[in-house]
Amino acid sequence: MKLTYTVAMTLAAGAMALGVSAVEARTFRAADVQPPDYPTVKAVNFMSDELSKATDGKYSIKVFPSSQLGSEKDTIEQIKLGAIDFLRVNAGTLNTICPAMTVPVMPFVFRDVDHFHHVVDGPIGDEILADCEAHGMVGLAFYDSGSRSFYTRNPVRSIDDLKGLKIRVQQSDVWVAMMKLLGANPTPMPTGEVFTGLKTGLIDGAENNWPTYQTSHAYEVAKYYTLDEHSMAPDVLLMSKKVYDSFTPEEQAAVRKAAKDSVPYMRQLWAELESQSQDIVGKAGVEVITIDKAPFQAAMKPLYDEFLTDPALKDLLQRIADFK
């Protein structure tokens, strides 16, 4: 009887311990519109592993890629409400919500990739991320999204060659205004329609990074890639502020560290992906055109004047330009 009672109590205690563990353990949901093998998706999976280690298995993250939880616009609304926990989006989708995000999205803000990395990895980057907290989102880290350049059906060797061309752009006031200043006819359309638009002649060109140019097969019909690198608008990793605020300070620190630790891993994957894409399009006979960027940059001044009317944003832009 005593032995049976002891065994029963031991089993009950074990069951209670397991029950507490199961209640405390939590898997958070993260959204991404990119496919499962994309660098940002893999980076958040890496972050999940780091967070799990830091919390002794208490917290982990499950990524829902390929727009399973909705478009970038949809998921932004969800994370603000706390319906999802983590989100990866391009900074361009945030500039109407978090004003400071407008600055890194503007054309020709960053001199090169090194300048971009040093800015977003430092105090200026943290300042921009922090601007989202007033809008229900905690900015955790910046991921690379490459530099965007033009790809066209006919060669663009100078700013004059863009005049009158129908160029696909994101559905953004900034990008529409930019194309008009360059003399092109901006044509907003979803990414998935670009290849058909190029093939049928509905558009004369588009602009994006190397991997998108390659994986969309746009290089098969637009065989000229003009390397002007007009934008390095970063991707952003966000967390719901409602969820973040429910954490202890130690847990918040663990989340931030895991996010920052995922950045070098993401950049390594991104560099490898860019190299692979460049190799593929190069072998397909794409002509890469190097141009004088100065006329393109000079044409952007009215854009800065229109979209950066807040003195704080103008100051932010100047501090980025002055950053060594």
C-alpha atoms as a PDB file:
ATOM      1  CA  MET A   1       0.000   0.000   0.000  1.00  0.00           C
ATOM      2  CA  LYS A   2       2.729   2.432   0.948  1.00  0.00           C
ATOM      3  CA  LEU A   3       4.686   1.569  -2.194  1.00  0.00           C
ATOM      4  CA  THR A   4       1.634   2.008  -4.386  1.00  0.00           C
ATOM      5  CA  TYR A   5       0.866   5.360  -2.750  1.00  0.00           C
ATOM      6  CA  THR A   6       4.457   6.565  -3.243  1.00  0.00           C
ATOM      7  CA  VAL A   7       4.468   5.560  -6.888  1.00  0.00           C
ATOM      8  CA  ALA A   8       1.132   7.262  -7.456  1.00  0.00           C
ATOM      9  CA  MET A   9       2.273  10.474  -5.835  1.00  0.00           C
ATOM     10  CA  THR A  10       5.496  10.444  -7.861  1.00  0.00           C
ATOM     11  CA  LEU A  11       3.568   9.967 -11.098  1.00  0.00           C
ATOM     12  CA  ALA A  12       1.152  12.721 -10.153  1.00  0.00           C
ATOM     13  CA  ALA A  13       3.982  15.120  -9.377  1.00  0.00           C
ATOM     14  CA  GLY A  14       5.608  14.285 -12.676  1.00  0.00           C
ATOM     15  CA  ALA A  15       2.379  14.863 -14.538  1.00  0.00           C
ATOM     16  CA  MET A  16       1.938  18.222 -12.803  1.00  0.00           C
ATOM     17  CA  ALA A  17       5.483  19.236 -13.740  1.00  0.00           C
ATOM     18  CA  LEU A  18       4.862  18.275 -17.355  1.00  0.00           C
ATOM     19  CA  GLY A  19       1.618  20.190 -17.305  1.00  0.00           C
ATOM     20  CA  VAL A  20       3.316  23.352 -16.038  1.00  0.00           C
ATOM     21  CA  SER A  21       6.047  22.981 -18.638  1.00  0.00           C
ATOM     22  CA  ALA A  22       3.502  22.544 -21.404  1.00  0.00           C
ATOM     23  CA  VAL A  23       1.610  25.627 -20.273  1.00  0.00           C
ATOM     24  CA  GLU A  24       4.705  27.774 -20.020  1.00  0.00           C
ATOM     25  CA  ALA A  25       6.263  26.637 -23.302  1.00  0.00           C
ATOM     26  CA  ARG A  26       5.070  28.667 -26.257  1.00  0.00           C
ATOM     27  CA  THR A  27       5.645  28.640 -29.982  1.00  0.00           C
ATOM     28  CA  PHE A  28       5.167  32.055 -31.576  1.00  0.00           C
ATOM     29  CA  ARG A  29       3.903  32.639 -35.094  1.00  0.00           C
ATOM     30  CA  ALA A  30       5.987  34.581 -37.625  1.00  0.00           C
ATOM     31  CA  ALA A  31       4.835  35.688 -41.070  1.00  0.00           C
ATOM     32  CA  ASP A  32       6.777  36.132 -44.294  1.00  0.00           C
ATOM     33  CA  VAL A  33       5.648  36.439 -47.907  1.00  0.00           C
ATOM     34  CA  GLN A  34       8.843  34.799 -49.157  1.00  0.00           C
ATOM     35  CA  PRO A  35       9.240  31.029 -49.844  1.00  0.00           C
ATOM     36  CA  PRO A  36      10.634  28.578 -47.250  1.00  0.00           C
ATOM     37  CA  ASP A  37      14.189  28.606 -48.631  1.00  0.00           C
ATOM     38  CA  TYR A  38      14.486  32.412 -48.729  1.00  0.00           C
ATOM     39  CA  PRO A  39      17.221  33.978 -46.532  1.00  0.00           C
ATOM     40  CA  THR A  40      14.779  35.924 -44.334  1.00  0.00           C
ATOM     41  CA  VAL A  41      12.718  32.801 -43.587  1.00  0.00           C
ATOM     42  CA  LYS A  42      15.839  30.815 -42.743  1.00  0.00           C
ATOM     43  CA  ALA A  43      17.097  33.669 -40.573  1.00  0.00           C
ATOM     44  CA  VAL A  44      13.947  33.697 -38.432  1.00  0.00           C
ATOM     45  CA  ASN A  45      14.241  29.919 -38.059  1.00  0.00           C
ATOM     46  CA  PHE A  46      17.817  30.530 -36.878  1.00  0.00           C
ATOM     47  CA  MET A  47      16.498  33.128 -34.433  1.00  0.00           C
ATOM     48  CA  SER A  48      14.005  30.566 -33.130  1.00  0.00           C
ATOM     49  CA  ASP A  49      16.835  28.153 -32.336  1.00  0.00           C
ATOM     50  CA  GLU A  50      18.779  30.879 -30.540  1.00  0.00           C
ATOM     51  CA  LEU A  51      15.733  31.994 -28.573  1.00  0.00           C
ATOM     52  CA  SER A  52      14.955  28.417 -27.574  1.00  0.00           C
ATOM     53  CA  LYS A  53      18.492  27.949 -26.266  1.00  0.00           C
ATOM     54  CA  ALA A  54      18.369  31.222 -24.334  1.00  0.00           C
ATOM     55  CA  THR A  55      15.040  30.346 -22.668  1.00  0.00           C
ATOM     56  CA  ASP A  56      15.760  26.653 -22.011  1.00  0.00           C
ATOM     57  CA  GLY A  57      13.181  25.610 -24.568  1.00  0.00           C
ATOM     58  CA  LYS A  58      10.417  27.835 -23.223  1.00  0.00           C
ATOM     59  CA  TYR A  59      10.024  29.929 -26.378  1.00  0.00           C
ATOM     60  CA  SER A  60      10.364  29.102 -30.075  1.00  0.00           C
ATOM     61  CA  ILE A  61       9.098  30.540 -33.350  1.00  0.00           C
ATOM     62  CA  LYS A  62       7.257  28.861 -36.216  1.00  0.00           C
ATOM     63  CA  VAL A  63       7.558  30.698 -39.532  1.00  0.00           C
ATOM     64  CA  PHE A  64       4.624  30.719 -41.931  1.00  0.00           C
ATOM     65  CA  PRO A  65       6.230  31.546 -45.320  1.00  0.00           C
ATOM     66  CA  SER A  66       4.782  32.105 -48.808  1.00  0.00           C
ATOM     67  CA  SER A  67       2.084  34.560 -47.649  1.00  0.00           C
ATOM     68  CA  GLN A  68       0.259  31.863 -45.661  1.00  0.00           C
ATOM     69  CA  LEU A  69      -0.875  34.487 -43.150  1.00  0.00           C
ATOM     70  CA  GLY A  70      -1.596  37.150 -45.754  1.00  0.00           C
ATOM     71  CA  SER A  71       0.121  39.892 -47.736  1.00  0.00           C
ATOM     72  CA  GLU A  72       2.648  42.231 -46.140  1.00  0.00           C
ATOM     73  CA  LYS A  73      -0.079  44.834 -45.693  1.00  0.00           C
ATOM     74  CA  ASP A  74      -2.404  42.279 -44.074  1.00  0.00           C
ATOM     75  CA  THR A  75       0.231  40.959 -41.687  1.00  0.00           C
ATOM     76  CA  ILE A  76       1.200  44.451 -40.562  1.00  0.00           C
ATOM     77  CA  GLU A  77      -2.350  44.965 -39.345  1.00  0.00           C
ATOM     78  CA  GLN A  78      -2.296  41.560 -37.634  1.00  0.00           C
ATOM     79  CA  ILE A  79       0.926  42.186 -35.748  1.00  0.00           C
ATOM     80  CA  LYS A  80      -0.300  45.556 -34.516  1.00  0.00           C
ATOM     81  CA  LEU A  81      -3.330  43.779 -33.043  1.00  0.00           C
ATOM     82  CA  GLY A  82      -1.241  40.952 -31.594  1.00  0.00           C
ATOM     83  CA  ALA A  83      -2.850  38.347 -33.866  1.00  0.00           C
ATOM     84  CA  ILE A  84       0.634  37.268 -34.990  1.00  0.00           C
ATOM     85  CA  ASP A  85       3.839  37.576 -33.012  1.00  0.00           C
ATOM     86  CA  PHE A  86       6.711  38.219 -35.452  1.00  0.00           C
ATOM     87  CA  LEU A  87       6.832  39.613 -38.962  1.00  0.00           C
ATOM     88  CA  ARG A  88       9.359  40.226 -41.700  1.00  0.00           C
ATOM     89  CA  VAL A  89       8.456  42.978 -44.175  1.00  0.00           C
ATOM     90  CA  ASN A  90      10.253  45.428 -46.411  1.00  0.00           C
ATOM     91  CA  ALA A  91      10.768  48.885 -44.936  1.00  0.00           C
ATOM     92  CA  GLY A  92       8.870  50.326 -47.887  1.00  0.00           C
ATOM     93  CA  THR A  93       5.613  48.914 -46.529  1.00  0.00           C
ATOM     94  CA  LEU A  94       6.129  50.724 -43.206  1.00  0.00           C
ATOM     95  CA  ASN A  95       6.882  54.290 -44.239  1.00  0.00           C
ATOM     96  CA  THR A  96       3.239  55.396 -43.985  1.00  0.00           C
ATOM     97  CA  ILE A  97       3.090  53.943 -40.443  1.00  0.00           C
ATOM     98  CA  CYS A  98       6.534  54.574 -38.937  1.00  0.00           C
ATOM     99  CA  PRO A  99       7.720  57.933 -40.347  1.00  0.00           C
ATOM    100  CA  ALA A 100      11.434  57.247 -39.764  1.00  0.00           C
ATOM    101  CA  MET A 101      11.208  54.217 -42.097  1.00  0.00           C
ATOM    102  CA  THR A 102      10.711  56.640 -44.973  1.00  0.00           C
ATOM    103  CA  VAL A 103      14.365  57.660 -44.849  1.00  0.00           C
ATOM    104  CA  PRO A 104      16.128  54.322 -45.575  1.00  0.00           C
ATOM    105  CA  VAL A 105      13.592  53.676 -48.345  1.00  0.00           C
ATOM    106  CA  MET A 106      14.467  56.858 -50.224  1.00  0.00           C
ATOM    107  CA  PRO A 107      16.668  56.437 -53.315  1.00  0.00           C
ATOM    108  CA  PHE A 108      20.449  56.814 -53.113  1.00  0.00           C
ATOM    109  CA  VAL A 109      20.474  57.205 -49.312  1.00  0.00           C
ATOM    110  CA  PHE A 110      23.309  54.700 -48.906  1.00  0.00           C
ATOM    111  CA  ARG A 111      26.618  55.032 -50.733  1.00  0.00           C
ATOM    112  CA  ASP A 112      27.265  51.294 -50.866  1.00  0.00           C
ATOM    113  CA  VAL A 113      26.578  48.061 -48.970  1.00  0.00           C
ATOM    114  CA  ASP A 114      29.234  48.756 -46.326  1.00  0.00           C
ATOM    115  CA  HIS A 115      27.740  52.176 -45.609  1.00  0.00           C
ATOM    116  CA  PHE A 116      24.288  50.592 -45.374  1.00  0.00           C
ATOM    117  CA  HIS A 117      25.455  47.925 -42.915  1.00  0.00           C
ATOM    118  CA  HIS A 118      27.288  50.350 -40.654  1.00  0.00           C
ATOM    119  CA  VAL A 119      24.303  52.703 -40.505  1.00  0.00           C
ATOM    120  CA  VAL A 120      21.540  50.168 -39.807  1.00  0.00           C
ATOM    121  CA  ASP A 121      23.688  48.160 -37.362  1.00  0.00           C
ATOM    122  CA  GLY A 122      24.424  51.211 -35.224  1.00  0.00           C
ATOM    123  CA  PRO A 123      22.577  53.825 -33.172  1.00  0.00           C
ATOM    124  CA  ILE A 124      20.891  55.351 -36.234  1.00  0.00           C
ATOM    125  CA  GLY A 125      19.428  51.965 -37.155  1.00  0.00           C
ATOM    126  CA  ASP A 126      18.169  51.449 -33.605  1.00  0.00           C
ATOM    127  CA  GLU A 127      16.598  54.899 -33.691  1.00  0.00           C
ATOM    128  CA  ILE A 128      14.702  54.064 -36.879  1.00  0.00           C
ATOM    129  CA  LEU A 129      13.530  50.710 -35.490  1.00  0.00           C
ATOM    130  CA  ALA A 130      12.334  52.360 -32.278  1.00  0.00           C
ATOM    131  CA  ASP A 131      10.000  54.623 -34.249  1.00  0.00           C
ATOM    132  CA  CYS A 132       7.634  51.682 -34.777  1.00  0.00           C
ATOM    133  CA  GLU A 133       6.958  51.132 -31.059  1.00  0.00           C
ATOM    134  CA  ALA A 134       4.373  53.911 -30.945  1.00  0.00           C
ATOM    135  CA  HIS A 135       2.439  51.992 -33.591  1.00  0.00           C
ATOM    136  CA  GLY A 136       2.195  48.608 -31.893  1.00  0.00           C
ATOM    137  CA  MET A 137       5.365  47.060 -33.302  1.00  0.00           C
ATOM    138  CA  VAL A 138       8.823  46.514 -31.838  1.00  0.00           C
ATOM    139  CA  GLY A 139      11.588  46.786 -34.422  1.00  0.00           C
ATOM    140  CA  LEU A 140      14.178  44.086 -33.723  1.00  0.00           C
ATOM    141  CA  ALA A 141      16.630  44.095 -36.639  1.00  0.00           C
ATOM    142  CA  PHE A 142      17.312  45.048 -40.231  1.00  0.00           C
ATOM    143  CA  TYR A 143      17.883  42.339 -42.835  1.00  0.00           C
ATOM    144  CA  ASP A 144      19.413  42.858 -46.272  1.00  0.00           C
ATOM    145  CA  SER A 145      17.170  43.139 -49.287  1.00  0.00           C
ATOM    146  CA  GLY A 146      19.894  43.869 -51.797  1.00  0.00           C
ATOM    147  CA  SER A 147      20.226  46.882 -54.027  1.00  0.00           C
ATOM    148  CA  ARG A 148      17.549  47.585 -56.604  1.00  0.00           C
ATOM    149  CA  SER A 149      18.466  48.376 -60.195  1.00  0.00           C
ATOM    150  CA  PHE A 150      16.641  48.593 -63.525  1.00  0.00           C
ATOM    151  CA  TYR A 151      16.114  45.699 -65.925  1.00  0.00           C
ATOM    152  CA  THR A 152      14.674  46.492 -69.312  1.00  0.00           C
ATOM    153  CA  ARG A 153      13.826  45.102 -72.750  1.00  0.00           C
ATOM    154  CA  ASN A 154      16.127  47.689 -74.357  1.00  0.00           C
ATOM    155  CA  PRO A 155      19.404  49.033 -72.935  1.00  0.00           C
ATOM    156  CA  VAL A 156      19.368  51.963 -70.492  1.00  0.00           C
ATOM    157  CA  ARG A 157      22.829  53.529 -70.546  1.00  0.00           C
ATOM    158  CA  SER A 158      21.900  56.980 -69.227  1.00  0.00           C
ATOM    159  CA  ILE A 159      19.044  58.804 -67.551  1.00  0.00           C
ATOM    160  CA  ASP A 160      17.851  59.945 -70.975  1.00  0.00           C
ATOM    161  CA  ASP A 161      17.202  56.348 -72.012  1.00  0.00           C
ATOM    162  CA  LEU A 162      14.546  56.050 -69.289  1.00  0.00           C
ATOM    163  CA  LYS A 163      12.399  58.824 -70.724  1.00  0.00           C
ATOM    164  CA  GLY A 164       8.968  57.579 -71.728  1.00  0.00           C
ATOM    165  CA  LEU A 165       9.608  53.967 -70.683  1.00  0.00           C
ATOM    166  CA  LYS A 166       6.829  52.144 -68.819  1.00  0.00           C
ATOM    167  CA  ILE A 167       8.593  50.910 -65.666  1.00  0.00           C
ATOM    168  CA  ARG A 168       6.875  48.637 -63.162  1.00  0.00           C
ATOM    169  CA  VAL A 169       7.087  49.948 -59.607  1.00  0.00           C
ATOM    170  CA  GLN A 170       5.791  48.932 -56.197  1.00  0.00           C
ATOM    171  CA  GLN A 171       2.447  50.428 -55.231  1.00  0.00           C
ATOM    172  CA  SER A 172       4.111  53.285 -53.362  1.00  0.00           C
ATOM    173  CA  ASP A 173       3.877  57.070 -53.703  1.00  0.00           C
ATOM    174  CA  VAL A 174       7.655  57.319 -53.290  1.00  0.00           C
ATOM    175  CA  TRP A 175       8.400  54.953 -56.189  1.00  0.00           C
ATOM    176  CA  VAL A 176       5.815  56.544 -58.469  1.00  0.00           C
ATOM    177  CA  ALA A 177       7.272  59.995 -57.819  1.00  0.00           C
ATOM    178  CA  MET A 178      10.814  58.721 -58.327  1.00  0.00           C
ATOM    179  CA  MET A 179      10.031  57.309 -61.767  1.00  0.00           C
ATOM    180  CA  LYS A 180       8.368  60.511 -62.855  1.00  0.00           C
ATOM    181  CA  LEU A 181      11.451  62.499 -61.851  1.00  0.00           C
ATOM    182  CA  LEU A 182      13.585  60.159 -63.943  1.00  0.00           C
ATOM    183  CA  GLY A 183      11.322  60.736 -66.941  1.00  0.00           C
ATOM    184  CA  ALA A 184       9.787  57.253 -66.940  1.00  0.00           C
ATOM    185  CA  ASN A 185       6.106  56.321 -66.809  1.00  0.00           C
ATOM    186  CA  PRO A 186       5.553  54.499 -63.497  1.00  0.00           C
ATOM    187  CA  THR A 187       3.332  51.436 -63.784  1.00  0.00           C
ATOM    188  CA  PRO A 188       2.352  49.943 -60.415  1.00  0.00           C
ATOM    189  CA  MET A 189       1.582  46.230 -60.517  1.00  0.00           C
ATOM    190  CA  PRO A 190       1.992  43.123 -58.330  1.00  0.00           C
ATOM    191  CA  THR A 191       5.321  41.299 -58.523  1.00  0.00           C
ATOM    192  CA  GLY A 192       3.652  38.190 -59.920  1.00  0.00           C
ATOM    193  CA  GLU A 193       2.542  40.057 -63.064  1.00  0.00           C
ATOM    194  CA  VAL A 194       5.934  41.493 -64.016  1.00  0.00           C
ATOM    195  CA  PHE A 195       7.146  38.618 -66.195  1.00  0.00           C
ATOM    196  CA  THR A 196       3.959  38.591 -68.278  1.00  0.00           C
ATOM    197  CA  GLY A 197       4.014  42.376 -68.495  1.00  0.00           C
ATOM    198  CA  LEU A 198       7.558  42.332 -69.850  1.00  0.00           C
ATOM    199  CA  LYS A 199       6.863  39.481 -72.253  1.00  0.00           C
ATOM    200  CA  THR A 200       3.769  41.100 -73.743  1.00  0.00           C
ATOM    201  CA  GLY A 201       5.261  44.585 -73.850  1.00  0.00           C
ATOM    202  CA  LEU A 202       2.763  45.977 -71.372  1.00  0.00           C
ATOM    203  CA  ILE A 203       5.813  47.347 -69.562  1.00  0.00           C
ATOM    204  CA  ASP A 204       9.296  48.157 -70.864  1.00  0.00           C
ATOM    205  CA  GLY A 205      11.115  47.318 -67.664  1.00  0.00           C
ATOM    206  CA  ALA A 206      11.086  46.972 -63.906  1.00  0.00           C
ATOM    207  CA  GLU A 207      13.460  47.428 -60.992  1.00  0.00           C
ATOM    208  CA  ASN A 208      14.497  45.025 -58.275  1.00  0.00           C
ATOM    209  CA  ASN A 209      17.402  43.082 -56.799  1.00  0.00           C
ATOM    210  CA  TRP A 210      19.417  40.293 -58.421  1.00  0.00           C
ATOM    211  CA  PRO A 211      17.565  37.332 -56.873  1.00  0.00           C
ATOM    212  CA  THR A 212      14.126  38.678 -57.807  1.00  0.00           C
ATOM    213  CA  TYR A 213      15.317  39.443 -61.341  1.00  0.00           C
ATOM    214  CA  GLN A 214      16.556  35.866 -61.677  1.00  0.00           C
ATOM    215  CA  THR A 215      13.900  33.845 -59.815  1.00  0.00           C
ATOM    216  CA  SER A 216      11.031  35.656 -61.575  1.00  0.00           C
ATOM    217  CA  HIS A 217      12.660  34.722 -64.923  1.00  0.00           C
ATOM    218  CA  ALA A 218      12.428  38.385 -65.946  1.00  0.00           C
ATOM    219  CA  TYR A 219      15.979  38.065 -67.341  1.00  0.00           C
ATOM    220  CA  GLU A 220      14.605  35.847 -70.108  1.00  0.00           C
ATOM    221  CA  VAL A 221      12.723  38.789 -71.646  1.00  0.00           C
ATOM    222  CA  ALA A 222      14.502  41.828 -70.155  1.00  0.00           C
ATOM    223  CA  LYS A 223      18.135  41.128 -70.982  1.00  0.00           C
ATOM    224  CA  TYR A 224      19.625  44.467 -69.871  1.00  0.00           C
ATOM    225  CA  TYR A 225      20.415  45.122 -66.210  1.00  0.00           C
ATOM    226  CA  THR A 226      21.389  48.736 -65.509  1.00  0.00           C
ATOM    227  CA  LEU A 227      23.402  48.771 -62.293  1.00  0.00           C
ATOM    228  CA  ASP A 228      22.371  52.113 -60.809  1.00  0.00           C
ATOM    229  CA  GLU A 229      21.597  50.652 -57.329  1.00  0.00           C
ATOM    230  CA  HIS A 230      19.055  53.362 -56.671  1.00  0.00           C
ATOM    231  CA  SER A 231      17.690  51.749 -53.512  1.00  0.00           C
ATOM    232  CA  MET A 232      18.883  49.567 -50.659  1.00  0.00           C
ATOM    233  CA  ALA A 233      15.591  49.631 -48.762  1.00  0.00           C
ATOM    234  CA  PRO A 234      16.098  47.028 -46.034  1.00  0.00           C
ATOM    235  CA  ASP A 235      13.855  44.285 -44.762  1.00  0.00           C
ATOM    236  CA  VAL A 236      12.692  44.687 -41.173  1.00  0.00           C
ATOM    237  CA  LEU A 237      12.057  42.101 -38.458  1.00  0.00           C
ATOM    238  CA  LEU A 238       9.223  43.137 -36.145  1.00  0.00           C
ATOM    239  CA  MET A 239       7.539  41.795 -33.023  1.00  0.00           C
ATOM    240  CA  SER A 240       4.068  42.559 -31.719  1.00  0.00           C
ATOM    241  CA  LYS A 241       4.395  45.112 -28.927  1.00  0.00           C
ATOM    242  CA  LYS A 242       1.506  43.479 -27.091  1.00  0.00           C
ATOM    243  CA  VAL A 243       3.458  40.235 -26.892  1.00  0.00           C
ATOM    244  CA  TYR A 244       6.780  41.959 -26.200  1.00  0.00           C
ATOM    245  CA  ASP A 245       5.305  43.910 -23.289  1.00  0.00           C
ATOM    246  CA  SER A 246       4.125  40.648 -21.692  1.00  0.00           C
ATOM    247  CA  PHE A 247       7.750  39.456 -21.391  1.00  0.00           C
ATOM    248  CA  THR A 248      10.068  39.978 -18.457  1.00  0.00           C
ATOM    249  CA  PRO A 249      13.046  42.301 -19.092  1.00  0.00           C
ATOM    250  CA  GLU A 250      15.282  39.213 -19.284  1.00  0.00           C
ATOM    251  CA  GLU A 251      13.025  37.623 -21.901  1.00  0.00           C
ATOM    252  CA  GLN A 252      12.892  40.854 -23.901  1.00  0.00           C
ATOM    253  CA  ALA A 253      16.696  40.973 -23.892  1.00  0.00           C
ATOM    254  CA  ALA A 254      16.823  37.347 -25.085  1.00  0.00           C
ATOM    255  CA  VAL A 255      14.485  38.150 -27.994  1.00  0.00           C
ATOM    256  CA  ARG A 256      16.506  41.181 -29.047  1.00  0.00           C
ATOM    257  CA  LYS A 257      19.791  39.274 -28.857  1.00  0.00           C
ATOM    258  CA  ALA A 258      18.438  36.316 -30.852  1.00  0.00           C
ATOM    259  CA  ALA A 259      17.165  38.723 -33.520  1.00  0.00           C
ATOM    260  CA  LYS A 260      20.487  40.575 -33.770  1.00  0.00           C
ATOM    261  CA  ASP A 261      22.396  37.275 -33.850  1.00  0.00           C
ATOM    262  CA  SER A 262      20.347  36.167 -36.852  1.00  0.00           C
ATOM    263  CA  VAL A 263      21.516  39.140 -38.947  1.00  0.00           C
ATOM    264  CA  PRO A 264      25.034  37.869 -39.882  1.00  0.00           C
ATOM    265  CA  TYR A 265      23.530  34.485 -40.748  1.00  0.00           C
ATOM    266  CA  MET A 266      20.937  36.128 -43.003  1.00  0.00           C
ATOM    267  CA  ARG A 267      23.580  38.249 -44.723  1.00  0.00           C
ATOM    268  CA  GLN A 268      25.712  35.220 -45.458  1.00  0.00           C
ATOM    269  CA  LEU A 269      22.734  33.492 -47.088  1.00  0.00           C
ATOM    270  CA  TRP A 270      21.850  36.664 -48.978  1.00  0.00           C
ATOM    271  CA  ALA A 271      25.375  37.078 -50.373  1.00  0.00           C
ATOM    272  CA  GLU A 272      25.337  33.468 -51.551  1.00  0.00           C
ATOM    273  CA  LEU A 273      21.925  33.923 -53.186  1.00  0.00           C
ATOM    274  CA  GLU A 274      22.998  37.108 -54.968  1.00  0.00           C
ATOM    275  CA  SER A 275      26.111  35.411 -56.298  1.00  0.00           C
ATOM    276  CA  GLN A 276      24.112  32.454 -57.589  1.00  0.00           C
ATOM    277  CA  SER A 277      21.584  34.749 -59.287  1.00  0.00           C
ATOM    278  CA  GLN A 278      24.274  36.839 -60.947  1.00  0.00           C
ATOM    279  CA  ASP A 279      25.942  33.691 -62.222  1.00  0.00           C
ATOM    280  CA  ILE A 280      22.690  32.357 -63.701  1.00  0.00           C
ATOM    281  CA  VAL A 281      21.731  35.545 -65.519  1.00  0.00           C
ATOM    282  CA  GLY A 282      25.306  36.069 -66.690  1.00  0.00           C
ATOM    283  CA  LYS A 283      25.348  32.652 -68.334  1.00  0.00           C
ATOM    284  CA  ALA A 284      22.008  33.503 -69.954  1.00  0.00           C
ATOM    285  CA  GLY A 285      23.631  36.394 -71.814  1.00  0.00           C
ATOM    286  CA  VAL A 286      22.331  39.340 -69.783  1.00  0.00           C
ATOM    287  CA  GLU A 287      24.256  42.568 -70.362  1.00  0.00           C
ATOM    288  CA  VAL A 288      25.109  44.367 -67.120  1.00  0.00           C
ATOM    289  CA  ILE A 289      25.404  48.105 -67.735  1.00  0.00           C
ATOM    290  CA  THR A 290      27.424  50.349 -65.414  1.00  0.00           C
ATOM    291  CA  ILE A 291      26.374  53.992 -65.536  1.00  0.00           C
ATOM    292  CA  ASP A 292      27.194  57.411 -64.136  1.00  0.00           C
ATOM    293  CA  LYS A 293      24.886  57.644 -61.100  1.00  0.00           C
ATOM    294  CA  ALA A 294      25.297  61.402 -60.615  1.00  0.00           C
ATOM    295  CA  PRO A 295      22.435  62.501 -62.937  1.00  0.00           C
ATOM    296  CA  PHE A 296      20.107  59.958 -61.301  1.00  0.00           C
ATOM    297  CA  GLN A 297      21.024  61.200 -57.823  1.00  0.00           C
ATOM    298  CA  ALA A 298      20.644  64.863 -58.793  1.00  0.00           C
ATOM    299  CA  ALA A 299      17.128  64.191 -60.101  1.00  0.00           C
ATOM    300  CA  MET A 300      16.022  62.996 -56.664  1.00  0.00           C
ATOM    301  CA  LYS A 301      16.247  66.305 -54.770  1.00  0.00           C
ATOM    302  CA  PRO A 302      12.562  67.194 -55.337  1.00  0.00           C
ATOM    303  CA  LEU A 303      11.653  63.762 -53.986  1.00  0.00           C
ATOM    304  CA  TYR A 304      13.435  64.440 -50.703  1.00  0.00           C
ATOM    305  CA  ASP A 305      11.753  67.839 -50.488  1.00  0.00           C
ATOM    306  CA  GLU A 306       8.303  66.297 -51.047  1.00  0.00           C
ATOM    307  CA  PHE A 307       8.481  63.295 -48.737  1.00  0.00           C
ATOM    308  CA  LEU A 308      10.850  64.474 -45.999  1.00  0.00           C
ATOM    309  CA  THR A 309       9.090  67.617 -44.853  1.00  0.00           C
ATOM    310  CA  ASP A 310       9.571  66.882 -41.139  1.00  0.00           C
ATOM    311  CA  PRO A 311      12.786  68.528 -39.883  1.00  0.00           C
ATOM    312  CA  ALA A 312      13.539  65.405 -37.826  1.00  0.00           C
ATOM    313  CA  LEU A 313      13.504  63.257 -40.959  1.00  0.00           C
ATOM    314  CA  LYS A 314      15.699  65.740 -42.824  1.00  0.00           C
ATOM    315  CA  ASP A 315      18.141  65.613 -39.931  1.00  0.00           C
ATOM    316  CA  LEU A 316      18.086  61.808 -40.005  1.00  0.00           C
ATOM    317  CA  LEU A 317      18.854  61.816 -43.724  1.00  0.00           C
ATOM    318  CA  GLN A 318      21.770  64.211 -43.191  1.00  0.00           C
ATOM    319  CA  ARG A 319      23.202  62.115 -40.363  1.00  0.00           C
ATOM    320  CA  ILE A 320      23.124  59.060 -42.607  1.00  0.00           C
ATOM    321  CA  ALA A 321      24.864  60.981 -45.394  1.00  0.00           C
ATOM    322  CA  ASP A 322      27.527  62.185 -42.950  1.00  0.00           C
ATOM    323  CA  PHE A 323      28.085  58.760 -41.398  1.00  0.00           C
ATOM    324  CA  LYS A 324      31.572  57.441 -42.082  1.00  0.00           C
END
